[in-house]
Amino acid sequence: MDFSQYPVWEAVVHLAGLSALLLFANVLRRKIPFLRKSLLPTAVIAGFIGLILKETLFAYVVSAGDYERTLFILRTITYHTIALGFIALGLKVRSLVHVEGGTKRGFYSGLLIVSTYLIQGLVALSLSFILVRTVFPNFFEAAGMLFPMGFGQGPGQAQNIGNLYEVTHGFVGGTTFGVAIASFGFVWASIAGVIYLNLLNKRGAIDYARKKTASAVKAEDIESSDEIPIAEAIDKFTIQIALVLVVYLFTFGFIFGINQWMQTGVLGNFGIETVGPLIVGFNFIVGMLFALVAKRLFLFLRAKRIMTRQYPNNYMLDRIAGSIFDFMVIAAIAAIRIEDLRNLWGPFIILSFIVGTVTLFYVKAMCKRIYPDYTNAATMGMFGMLTGTASTGIILLREVDPSFKTPAANDLVIGSSTAILFGFPILLLVGVAPLGGLQFFLAWIAVVTLFTVFFTLLIKLNPKRT
């Protein structure tokens, strides 16, 4: 093997570079008080450092071809890591611990999460429609659908759908616009989150004098009595990685098969231009579904005593998902191409500010109604998650409830699972809105209708206390 040729090292060099950025950002966050108090996740700081280096030093020392190649690799890493992370979470075995009222709150939390996606999309779609017909005629009017992806779900999903809009529907700079929304969502979660935390602190709702200690890992988290040993003929962690990758292999086979089927023209241009690219863009949803199928298969095999021990380990799968999502965030932010936003700064700033503000007030008002016994904790967790990611929500939540004494953390987890079911129609609307004309208005009407239904359900099921 000729190691003098760079392509042999290309993937390793990029992953090692992301790792170096992560370690450097971790040092900065620990040593610089401003960064530590900002609540920005280390991966976000690393991503912005990578973005600055790429757009300044790196852009001037490499050729245009190498720059484009780097963007492609970073976006490829983001595309695959989002699916791998969701698969790892999907393989987790449900906890046997019963939480009082958990099912009901999971239902409410799912409705709240999806209704927030919908109001983000509704506000952004309405504003983008107005901007196209007033001060920004060249703007892409369906760009508003990227806000539920970027703010509501994160940089991986925002990049996938932004790329779909750019490649399939001609939204120039769509990939960068989507990731930029997600990046600005982290800033919203941090700045607005810190301001709100300070307000709570002044009201005496937070006791910063409390000593916050990380929860210790218990032995049974790593190796319980009915699980495979931690080290036997094969390492237990290797099994977890293998499970995730095998599920992703099935995911690839399904996506490839569906895409090839659509290319035969079975659904005409709608299949070729919308369904096929949409399935490719939503690889993380397909991966999650296959993970859930695999988990049900394991349960069936255990019930039939064909498989006598449990193979998935929740603790290790959490660690895999956490690591994968860290790299996803770094790669997604670093992959932003500032030049692509050159003609999009106006709409981006207007939409991001208004959607972020609406999200804060909507989540605050609804959490007060749905979770009256722990409103502050629920608000911080939900707001952090619905502008950043689940990890951002947990970071903000821990400032209010460091020991997780309230059910707020559980609500985030169960609500996110329930939201997959409730939010499925949004995935279809993501593919319809960019078709323009009548399809755009049908998508807008559908968003209004769905939001009205979910909002009404939340209000009816959670009457205001007197």
Protein backbone atom coordinates (compact mmCIF):
# COMPACT_ATOMS: atom_id res chain seq x y z
CA MET A 1 0.00 0.00 0.00
CA ASP A 2 1.38 3.39 -0.99
CA PHE A 3 1.00 5.57 2.11
CA SER A 4 2.39 8.58 0.27
CA GLN A 5 -0.98 9.10 -1.38
CA TYR A 6 -3.23 11.29 0.73
CA PRO A 7 -6.55 9.51 -0.05
CA VAL A 8 -5.30 6.57 2.01
CA TRP A 9 -5.22 8.86 5.06
CA GLU A 10 -8.08 11.19 4.15
CA ALA A 11 -10.84 9.83 6.41
CA VAL A 12 -8.48 9.30 9.35
CA VAL A 13 -7.02 12.80 9.05
CA HIS A 14 -10.46 14.44 9.08
CA LEU A 15 -11.67 12.42 12.07
CA ALA A 16 -8.41 13.10 13.90
CA GLY A 17 -8.79 16.81 13.10
CA LEU A 18 -12.30 16.85 14.56
CA SER A 19 -10.96 15.05 17.64
CA ALA A 20 -8.21 17.67 18.06
CA LEU A 21 -10.81 20.44 17.83
CA LEU A 22 -12.93 18.71 20.47
CA LEU A 23 -10.03 18.37 22.91
CA PHE A 24 -8.91 21.97 22.35
CA ALA A 25 -12.47 23.25 22.84
CA ASN A 26 -12.75 21.25 26.05
CA VAL A 27 -9.64 22.95 27.42
CA LEU A 28 -10.96 26.38 26.45
CA ARG A 29 -14.34 25.71 28.06
CA ARG A 30 -12.74 24.61 31.32
CA LYS A 31 -10.25 27.49 31.49
CA ILE A 32 -12.23 30.46 30.15
CA PRO A 33 -15.01 31.59 32.54
CA PHE A 34 -17.09 33.19 29.78
CA LEU A 35 -17.30 29.96 27.79
CA ARG A 36 -18.00 27.92 30.91
CA LYS A 37 -20.86 30.20 31.92
CA SER A 38 -22.24 30.36 28.38
CA LEU A 39 -23.55 26.76 28.63
CA LEU A 40 -22.44 26.16 25.03
CA PRO A 41 -21.67 22.45 24.58
CA THR A 42 -18.00 21.67 23.96
CA ALA A 43 -18.84 20.21 20.54
CA VAL A 44 -20.47 23.50 19.49
CA ILE A 45 -17.39 25.49 20.54
CA ALA A 46 -15.21 23.01 18.61
CA GLY A 47 -17.44 23.38 15.57
CA PHE A 48 -17.16 27.16 15.53
CA ILE A 49 -13.36 26.94 15.94
CA GLY A 50 -13.27 24.54 13.00
CA LEU A 51 -15.47 26.88 10.97
CA ILE A 52 -13.19 29.86 11.64
CA LEU A 53 -10.05 27.87 10.75
CA LYS A 54 -11.65 26.51 7.58
CA GLU A 55 -12.88 29.88 6.35
CA THR A 56 -9.63 31.74 7.11
CA LEU A 57 -6.37 29.82 7.28
CA PHE A 58 -7.43 26.61 5.52
CA ALA A 59 -9.30 28.34 2.68
CA TYR A 60 -6.16 30.22 1.65
CA VAL A 61 -3.62 27.39 1.79
CA VAL A 62 -5.45 24.72 -0.22
CA SER A 63 -6.86 24.60 -3.72
CA ALA A 64 -10.52 25.11 -4.49
CA GLY A 65 -10.83 21.40 -5.21
CA ASP A 66 -9.39 20.42 -1.81
CA TYR A 67 -11.70 22.92 -0.09
CA GLU A 68 -14.74 21.41 -1.80
CA ARG A 69 -13.51 17.92 -0.96
CA THR A 70 -13.23 18.86 2.71
CA LEU A 71 -16.77 20.24 2.69
CA PHE A 72 -18.00 17.02 1.12
CA ILE A 73 -16.28 14.87 3.75
CA LEU A 74 -17.58 17.00 6.64
CA ARG A 75 -21.12 16.82 5.29
CA THR A 76 -20.77 13.09 4.72
CA ILE A 77 -19.67 12.64 8.33
CA THR A 78 -22.70 14.64 9.46
CA TYR A 79 -25.04 12.64 7.24
CA HIS A 80 -23.93 9.28 8.60
CA THR A 81 -23.40 10.21 12.25
CA ILE A 82 -26.95 11.49 12.70
CA ALA A 83 -28.32 8.12 11.57
CA LEU A 84 -25.82 6.10 13.62
CA GLY A 85 -26.64 8.12 16.74
CA PHE A 86 -30.38 7.60 16.32
CA ILE A 87 -29.84 3.87 15.79
CA ALA A 88 -27.85 3.64 19.02
CA LEU A 89 -30.68 5.35 20.90
CA GLY A 90 -33.29 3.20 19.18
CA LEU A 91 -31.58 -0.02 20.29
CA LYS A 92 -31.78 0.91 23.96
CA VAL A 93 -33.90 -1.40 26.07
CA ARG A 94 -36.73 0.43 27.80
CA SER A 95 -36.16 0.94 31.51
CA LEU A 96 -38.26 -1.23 33.80
CA VAL A 97 -38.50 1.55 36.36
CA HIS A 98 -42.06 2.84 36.59
CA VAL A 99 -42.50 6.57 36.78
CA GLU A 100 -45.88 7.72 38.05
CA GLY A 101 -47.84 9.41 35.30
CA GLY A 102 -45.01 8.75 32.84
CA THR A 103 -47.23 7.53 29.99
CA LYS A 104 -49.59 10.50 30.22
CA ARG A 105 -46.73 13.01 30.45
CA GLY A 106 -44.96 11.28 27.57
CA PHE A 107 -48.09 11.82 25.47
CA TYR A 108 -48.29 15.49 26.48
CA SER A 109 -44.54 15.99 25.96
CA GLY A 110 -44.75 14.49 22.46
CA LEU A 111 -47.62 16.81 21.60
CA LEU A 112 -45.69 19.79 22.96
CA ILE A 113 -42.54 18.94 21.01
CA VAL A 114 -44.36 18.46 17.70
CA SER A 115 -46.59 21.51 18.22
CA THR A 116 -43.40 23.53 18.72
CA TYR A 117 -42.01 22.14 15.45
CA LEU A 118 -45.24 23.21 13.80
CA ILE A 119 -45.30 26.74 15.18
CA GLN A 120 -41.65 27.16 14.17
CA GLY A 121 -42.51 26.00 10.66
CA LEU A 122 -45.70 28.07 10.52
CA VAL A 123 -44.00 31.31 11.57
CA ALA A 124 -40.99 30.73 9.33
CA LEU A 125 -43.05 29.69 6.28
CA SER A 126 -45.34 32.72 6.65
CA LEU A 127 -42.41 35.11 7.02
CA SER A 128 -40.46 33.60 4.13
CA PHE A 129 -43.55 33.94 1.91
CA ILE A 130 -43.82 37.62 2.87
CA LEU A 131 -40.08 38.25 2.40
CA VAL A 132 -40.11 36.74 -1.10
CA ARG A 133 -42.90 39.13 -2.11
CA THR A 134 -41.37 42.22 -0.53
CA VAL A 135 -37.69 42.86 0.19
CA PHE A 136 -36.06 39.53 -0.76
CA PRO A 137 -37.62 38.38 -4.06
CA ASN A 138 -34.84 35.86 -4.75
CA PHE A 139 -35.24 34.05 -1.45
CA PHE A 140 -36.51 30.44 -1.37
CA GLU A 141 -40.03 30.63 0.10
CA ALA A 142 -40.04 27.05 1.43
CA ALA A 143 -36.87 27.72 3.46
CA GLY A 144 -39.08 28.14 6.52
CA MET A 145 -39.46 24.34 6.70
CA LEU A 146 -35.79 24.15 7.66
CA PHE A 147 -36.49 25.75 11.05
CA PRO A 148 -38.26 22.73 12.60
CA MET A 149 -35.27 20.72 11.35
CA GLY A 150 -32.55 23.13 12.53
CA PHE A 151 -34.06 24.57 15.71
CA GLY A 152 -36.28 21.63 16.55
CA GLN A 153 -34.03 18.68 15.73
CA GLY A 154 -30.42 19.69 15.12
CA PRO A 155 -27.63 20.21 12.56
CA GLY A 156 -27.72 16.69 11.10
CA GLN A 157 -31.35 16.87 10.04
CA ALA A 158 -31.02 20.50 8.95
CA GLN A 159 -28.09 19.63 6.70
CA ASN A 160 -29.87 16.65 5.15
CA ILE A 161 -33.02 18.59 4.30
CA GLY A 162 -31.09 21.73 3.31
CA ASN A 163 -29.07 19.60 0.90
CA LEU A 164 -32.30 18.11 -0.46
CA TYR A 165 -33.64 21.60 -1.11
CA GLU A 166 -30.37 22.69 -2.70
CA VAL A 167 -29.81 19.69 -4.97
CA THR A 168 -33.41 18.83 -5.88
CA HIS A 169 -35.25 22.14 -5.68
CA GLY A 170 -32.58 24.71 -6.58
CA PHE A 171 -32.24 26.51 -3.21
CA VAL A 172 -28.75 27.94 -3.68
CA GLY A 173 -26.91 27.70 -0.35
CA GLY A 174 -29.67 25.53 1.14
CA THR A 175 -27.28 23.13 2.88
CA THR A 176 -25.38 25.93 4.58
CA PHE A 177 -28.61 27.77 5.41
CA GLY A 178 -29.96 24.69 7.19
CA VAL A 179 -26.82 24.12 9.24
CA ALA A 180 -26.56 27.85 10.01
CA ILE A 181 -30.10 27.72 11.46
CA ALA A 182 -29.12 24.82 13.69
CA SER A 183 -25.94 26.63 14.78
CA PHE A 184 -27.88 29.79 15.59
CA GLY A 185 -30.28 27.58 17.56
CA PHE A 186 -27.41 26.61 19.86
CA VAL A 187 -26.64 30.31 20.35
CA TRP A 188 -30.32 30.96 21.12
CA ALA A 189 -30.36 28.15 23.66
CA SER A 190 -27.21 29.47 25.30
CA ILE A 191 -27.83 33.23 25.35
CA ALA A 192 -31.59 33.22 25.94
CA GLY A 193 -31.18 30.23 28.25
CA VAL A 194 -28.58 31.98 30.41
CA ILE A 195 -30.64 35.18 30.57
CA TYR A 196 -33.70 33.22 31.68
CA LEU A 197 -31.62 31.28 34.23
CA ASN A 198 -30.39 34.55 35.70
CA LEU A 199 -33.98 35.76 36.00
CA LEU A 200 -34.90 32.56 37.81
CA ASN A 201 -31.89 32.96 40.06
CA LYS A 202 -32.95 36.49 41.03
CA ARG A 203 -36.38 35.15 41.91
CA GLY A 204 -34.78 32.54 44.14
CA ALA A 205 -35.84 29.63 41.93
CA ILE A 206 -32.26 28.34 41.59
CA ASP A 207 -29.82 27.69 44.41
CA TYR A 208 -26.38 27.95 42.87
CA ALA A 209 -24.80 27.26 46.23
CA ARG A 210 -25.80 23.63 45.95
CA LYS A 211 -22.96 21.29 45.23
CA LYS A 212 -23.53 19.63 41.87
CA THR A 213 -22.05 16.20 41.53
CA ALA A 214 -22.20 13.97 38.51
CA SER A 215 -24.16 10.82 39.01
CA ALA A 216 -21.85 7.84 39.52
CA VAL A 217 -21.91 4.93 37.13
CA LYS A 218 -23.31 1.82 38.81
CA ALA A 219 -21.91 -1.64 38.15
CA GLU A 220 -25.29 -2.90 36.99
CA ASP A 221 -25.37 -0.17 34.32
CA ILE A 222 -22.46 -1.90 32.58
CA GLU A 223 -23.16 -5.54 33.40
CA SER A 224 -26.48 -6.71 34.81
CA SER A 225 -27.27 -10.33 35.63
CA ASP A 226 -29.19 -11.11 32.42
CA GLU A 227 -26.77 -9.42 30.02
CA ILE A 228 -23.76 -10.81 28.20
CA PRO A 229 -20.46 -10.50 30.15
CA ILE A 230 -18.40 -7.36 29.71
CA ALA A 231 -15.51 -9.41 28.33
CA GLU A 232 -15.79 -12.96 27.03
CA ALA A 233 -14.83 -14.27 23.59
CA ILE A 234 -15.77 -10.80 22.34
CA ASP A 235 -15.80 -7.49 24.14
CA LYS A 236 -19.25 -6.27 25.14
CA PHE A 237 -18.59 -2.80 23.73
CA THR A 238 -17.67 -4.37 20.38
CA ILE A 239 -21.09 -6.06 20.35
CA GLN A 240 -22.80 -2.67 20.80
CA ILE A 241 -20.85 -1.16 17.91
CA ALA A 242 -21.58 -4.19 15.74
CA LEU A 243 -25.32 -3.96 16.48
CA VAL A 244 -25.41 -0.30 15.47
CA LEU A 245 -23.48 -0.90 12.24
CA VAL A 246 -25.49 -3.96 11.21
CA VAL A 247 -28.74 -2.01 11.65
CA TYR A 248 -27.25 0.77 9.53
CA LEU A 249 -26.38 -1.82 6.88
CA PHE A 250 -30.06 -2.78 6.67
CA THR A 251 -30.91 0.92 6.59
CA PHE A 252 -28.64 1.41 3.59
CA GLY A 253 -30.16 -1.58 1.81
CA PHE A 254 -33.69 -0.25 2.31
CA ILE A 255 -32.83 3.31 1.21
CA PHE A 256 -30.91 2.06 -1.81
CA GLY A 257 -33.72 -0.29 -2.81
CA ILE A 258 -36.46 2.35 -2.46
CA ASN A 259 -34.41 4.93 -4.34
CA GLN A 260 -33.75 2.51 -7.20
CA TRP A 261 -37.45 1.61 -7.28
CA MET A 262 -38.41 5.29 -7.52
CA GLN A 263 -35.99 5.73 -10.42
CA THR A 264 -38.06 3.25 -12.45
CA GLY A 265 -40.83 5.85 -12.54
CA VAL A 266 -43.33 3.88 -10.47
CA LEU A 267 -44.60 7.16 -8.98
CA GLY A 268 -43.59 9.37 -11.90
CA ASN A 269 -41.66 12.58 -11.28
CA PHE A 270 -43.05 12.77 -7.72
CA GLY A 271 -41.22 9.56 -6.87
CA ILE A 272 -38.00 10.59 -8.60
CA GLU A 273 -37.89 14.21 -7.43
CA THR A 274 -39.57 14.00 -4.02
CA VAL A 275 -39.99 10.52 -2.49
CA GLY A 276 -36.54 9.19 -3.43
CA PRO A 277 -34.53 12.20 -2.20
CA LEU A 278 -36.74 12.46 0.90
CA ILE A 279 -35.99 8.85 1.89
CA VAL A 280 -32.27 9.48 1.35
CA GLY A 281 -32.44 12.69 3.42
CA PHE A 282 -34.31 10.99 6.26
CA ASN A 283 -31.77 8.20 6.72
CA PHE A 284 -31.89 8.80 10.48
CA ILE A 285 -35.65 8.12 10.63
CA VAL A 286 -35.27 4.93 8.59
CA GLY A 287 -32.36 3.90 10.82
CA MET A 288 -34.40 4.53 13.97
CA LEU A 289 -37.28 2.42 12.61
CA PHE A 290 -34.96 -0.48 11.81
CA ALA A 291 -33.43 -0.16 15.29
CA LEU A 292 -36.90 -0.43 16.83
CA VAL A 293 -37.62 -3.49 14.67
CA ALA A 294 -34.34 -5.06 15.81
CA LYS A 295 -35.23 -4.36 19.43
CA ARG A 296 -38.61 -6.04 19.00
CA LEU A 297 -36.86 -9.01 17.38
CA PHE A 298 -34.55 -9.34 20.39
CA LEU A 299 -37.54 -9.27 22.74
CA PHE A 300 -39.28 -11.97 20.67
CA LEU A 301 -36.18 -14.19 20.67
CA ARG A 302 -35.82 -13.81 24.41
CA ALA A 303 -39.49 -14.58 25.00
CA LYS A 304 -39.04 -17.79 22.99
CA ARG A 305 -35.84 -18.59 24.93
CA ILE A 306 -33.90 -18.68 21.67
CA MET A 307 -31.73 -15.81 22.92
CA THR A 308 -31.06 -16.34 26.62
CA ARG A 309 -29.12 -13.16 27.35
CA GLN A 310 -29.62 -9.49 26.60
CA TYR A 311 -27.16 -8.06 24.10
CA PRO A 312 -27.92 -4.31 23.94
CA ASN A 313 -26.58 -2.35 26.91
CA ASN A 314 -28.24 1.02 27.57
CA TYR A 315 -25.21 2.63 29.20
CA MET A 316 -22.83 1.72 26.39
CA LEU A 317 -25.34 2.65 23.70
CA ASP A 318 -25.77 6.04 25.40
CA ARG A 319 -22.00 6.53 25.30
CA ILE A 320 -21.87 5.57 21.61
CA ALA A 321 -24.72 7.96 20.76
CA GLY A 322 -23.16 10.77 22.80
CA SER A 323 -19.78 10.39 21.09
CA ILE A 324 -21.32 10.15 17.64
CA PHE A 325 -23.48 13.25 18.18
CA ASP A 326 -20.44 15.22 19.39
CA PHE A 327 -18.66 14.52 16.11
CA MET A 328 -21.86 15.23 14.19
CA VAL A 329 -22.18 18.70 15.73
CA ILE A 330 -18.53 19.59 15.08
CA ALA A 331 -18.62 18.41 11.46
CA ALA A 332 -21.96 20.10 10.73
CA ILE A 333 -20.93 23.52 12.04
CA ALA A 334 -17.46 23.34 10.48
CA ALA A 335 -19.10 22.49 7.14
CA ILE A 336 -20.89 25.86 6.96
CA ARG A 337 -19.71 27.81 3.93
CA ILE A 338 -19.98 31.49 4.79
CA GLU A 339 -19.97 32.46 1.12
CA ASP A 340 -23.24 30.58 0.60
CA LEU A 341 -24.92 32.89 3.12
CA ARG A 342 -23.78 36.01 1.28
CA ASN A 343 -27.22 36.68 -0.20
CA LEU A 344 -29.12 35.05 2.66
CA TRP A 345 -28.01 37.05 5.71
CA GLY A 346 -31.07 39.29 5.71
CA PRO A 347 -33.70 36.53 5.69
CA PHE A 348 -31.56 34.39 7.99
CA ILE A 349 -31.28 37.04 10.72
CA ILE A 350 -34.95 38.08 10.50
CA LEU A 351 -36.32 34.53 10.53
CA SER A 352 -33.92 33.23 13.18
CA PHE A 353 -34.62 36.05 15.61
CA ILE A 354 -38.41 35.92 15.26
CA VAL A 355 -38.66 32.10 15.32
CA GLY A 356 -36.33 31.93 18.33
CA THR A 357 -38.42 34.48 20.22
CA VAL A 358 -41.68 32.70 19.40
CA THR A 359 -40.18 29.39 20.52
CA LEU A 360 -39.14 30.79 23.91
CA PHE A 361 -42.51 32.32 24.72
CA TYR A 362 -44.52 29.39 23.38
CA VAL A 363 -42.53 26.78 25.32
CA LYS A 364 -42.65 28.89 28.50
CA ALA A 365 -46.43 29.35 28.28
CA MET A 366 -47.16 25.71 27.48
CA CYS A 367 -44.81 24.29 30.14
CA LYS A 368 -46.55 26.45 32.75
CA ARG A 369 -49.79 24.76 31.78
CA ILE A 370 -48.60 21.18 31.22
CA TYR A 371 -46.04 20.89 34.04
CA PRO A 372 -47.35 23.18 36.82
CA ASP A 373 -45.39 21.35 39.53
CA TYR A 374 -41.97 21.82 37.90
CA THR A 375 -42.49 24.56 35.31
CA ASN A 376 -38.97 26.05 35.46
CA ALA A 377 -37.20 22.73 35.01
CA ALA A 378 -39.50 21.69 32.17
CA THR A 379 -39.16 25.06 30.43
CA MET A 380 -35.37 25.00 30.46
CA GLY A 381 -35.18 21.41 29.26
CA MET A 382 -37.73 21.80 26.48
CA PHE A 383 -36.42 25.18 25.31
CA GLY A 384 -32.85 23.90 25.20
CA MET A 385 -33.89 20.85 23.20
CA LEU A 386 -36.22 22.73 20.83
CA THR A 387 -33.57 25.26 19.85
CA GLY A 388 -30.51 23.03 20.13
CA THR A 389 -30.47 19.28 20.76
CA ALA A 390 -31.44 16.96 23.59
CA SER A 391 -27.99 17.43 25.13
CA THR A 392 -28.50 21.23 25.20
CA GLY A 393 -31.83 20.67 26.92
CA ILE A 394 -30.17 18.49 29.56
CA ILE A 395 -27.44 21.10 30.12
CA LEU A 396 -30.00 23.85 30.79
CA LEU A 397 -32.17 21.50 32.85
CA ARG A 398 -29.30 20.59 35.15
CA GLU A 399 -28.87 24.24 36.09
CA VAL A 400 -32.37 24.16 37.59
CA ASP A 401 -32.59 20.50 38.60
CA PRO A 402 -29.01 19.19 38.98
CA SER A 403 -30.04 15.90 40.62
CA PHE A 404 -32.96 15.27 38.24
CA LYS A 405 -35.43 15.17 41.13
CA THR A 406 -38.25 16.31 38.84
CA PRO A 407 -39.55 14.18 35.94
CA ALA A 408 -38.36 16.81 33.43
CA ALA A 409 -35.44 14.74 32.10
CA ASN A 410 -37.70 11.73 31.69
CA ASP A 411 -40.20 13.91 29.82
CA LEU A 412 -37.53 14.85 27.28
CA VAL A 413 -36.69 11.22 26.56
CA ILE A 414 -40.22 9.82 26.45
CA GLY A 415 -41.58 12.90 24.67
CA SER A 416 -38.93 12.63 21.94
CA SER A 417 -39.95 9.02 21.28
CA THR A 418 -43.65 9.93 21.15
CA ALA A 419 -42.87 12.88 18.89
CA ILE A 420 -41.58 10.53 16.19
CA LEU A 421 -45.12 9.21 15.75
CA PHE A 422 -46.88 12.58 16.01
CA GLY A 423 -44.33 14.30 13.81
CA PHE A 424 -44.46 11.93 10.86
CA PRO A 425 -46.81 14.18 8.79
CA ILE A 426 -44.22 16.97 9.04
CA LEU A 427 -41.76 14.80 7.16
CA LEU A 428 -44.19 14.61 4.24
CA LEU A 429 -44.75 18.37 4.30
CA VAL A 430 -41.00 18.94 4.14
CA GLY A 431 -41.09 17.30 0.72
CA VAL A 432 -44.25 19.06 -0.49
CA ALA A 433 -43.55 22.71 0.47
CA PRO A 434 -40.59 23.27 -1.92
CA LEU A 435 -42.67 22.20 -4.92
CA GLY A 436 -44.07 25.75 -4.95
CA GLY A 437 -47.37 27.18 -6.11
CA LEU A 438 -50.43 25.26 -4.98
CA GLN A 439 -48.32 22.65 -3.18
CA PHE A 440 -46.73 25.35 -1.04
CA PHE A 441 -50.13 26.66 0.07
CA LEU A 442 -51.39 23.13 0.74
CA ALA A 443 -48.34 22.52 2.92
CA TRP A 444 -48.93 25.82 4.74
CA ILE A 445 -52.62 24.96 5.32
CA ALA A 446 -51.61 21.51 6.58
CA VAL A 447 -49.14 23.06 9.06
CA VAL A 448 -51.84 25.44 10.32
CA THR A 449 -54.33 22.59 10.66
CA LEU A 450 -51.94 20.26 12.47
CA PHE A 451 -50.81 22.99 14.85
CA THR A 452 -54.43 23.91 15.63
CA VAL A 453 -55.26 20.26 16.38
CA PHE A 454 -52.23 19.65 18.62
CA PHE A 455 -52.54 22.99 20.39
CA THR A 456 -56.24 22.41 21.05
CA LEU A 457 -55.51 18.94 22.43
CA LEU A 458 -52.90 20.32 24.80
CA ILE A 459 -55.23 23.04 26.04
CA LYS A 460 -58.22 20.71 26.46
CA LEU A 461 -56.21 18.02 28.22
CA ASN A 462 -54.42 20.50 30.47
CA PRO A 463 -57.05 23.00 31.71
CA LYS A 464 -55.66 26.08 33.38
CA ARG A 465 -55.54 25.76 37.15
CA THR A 466 -57.37 28.38 39.16
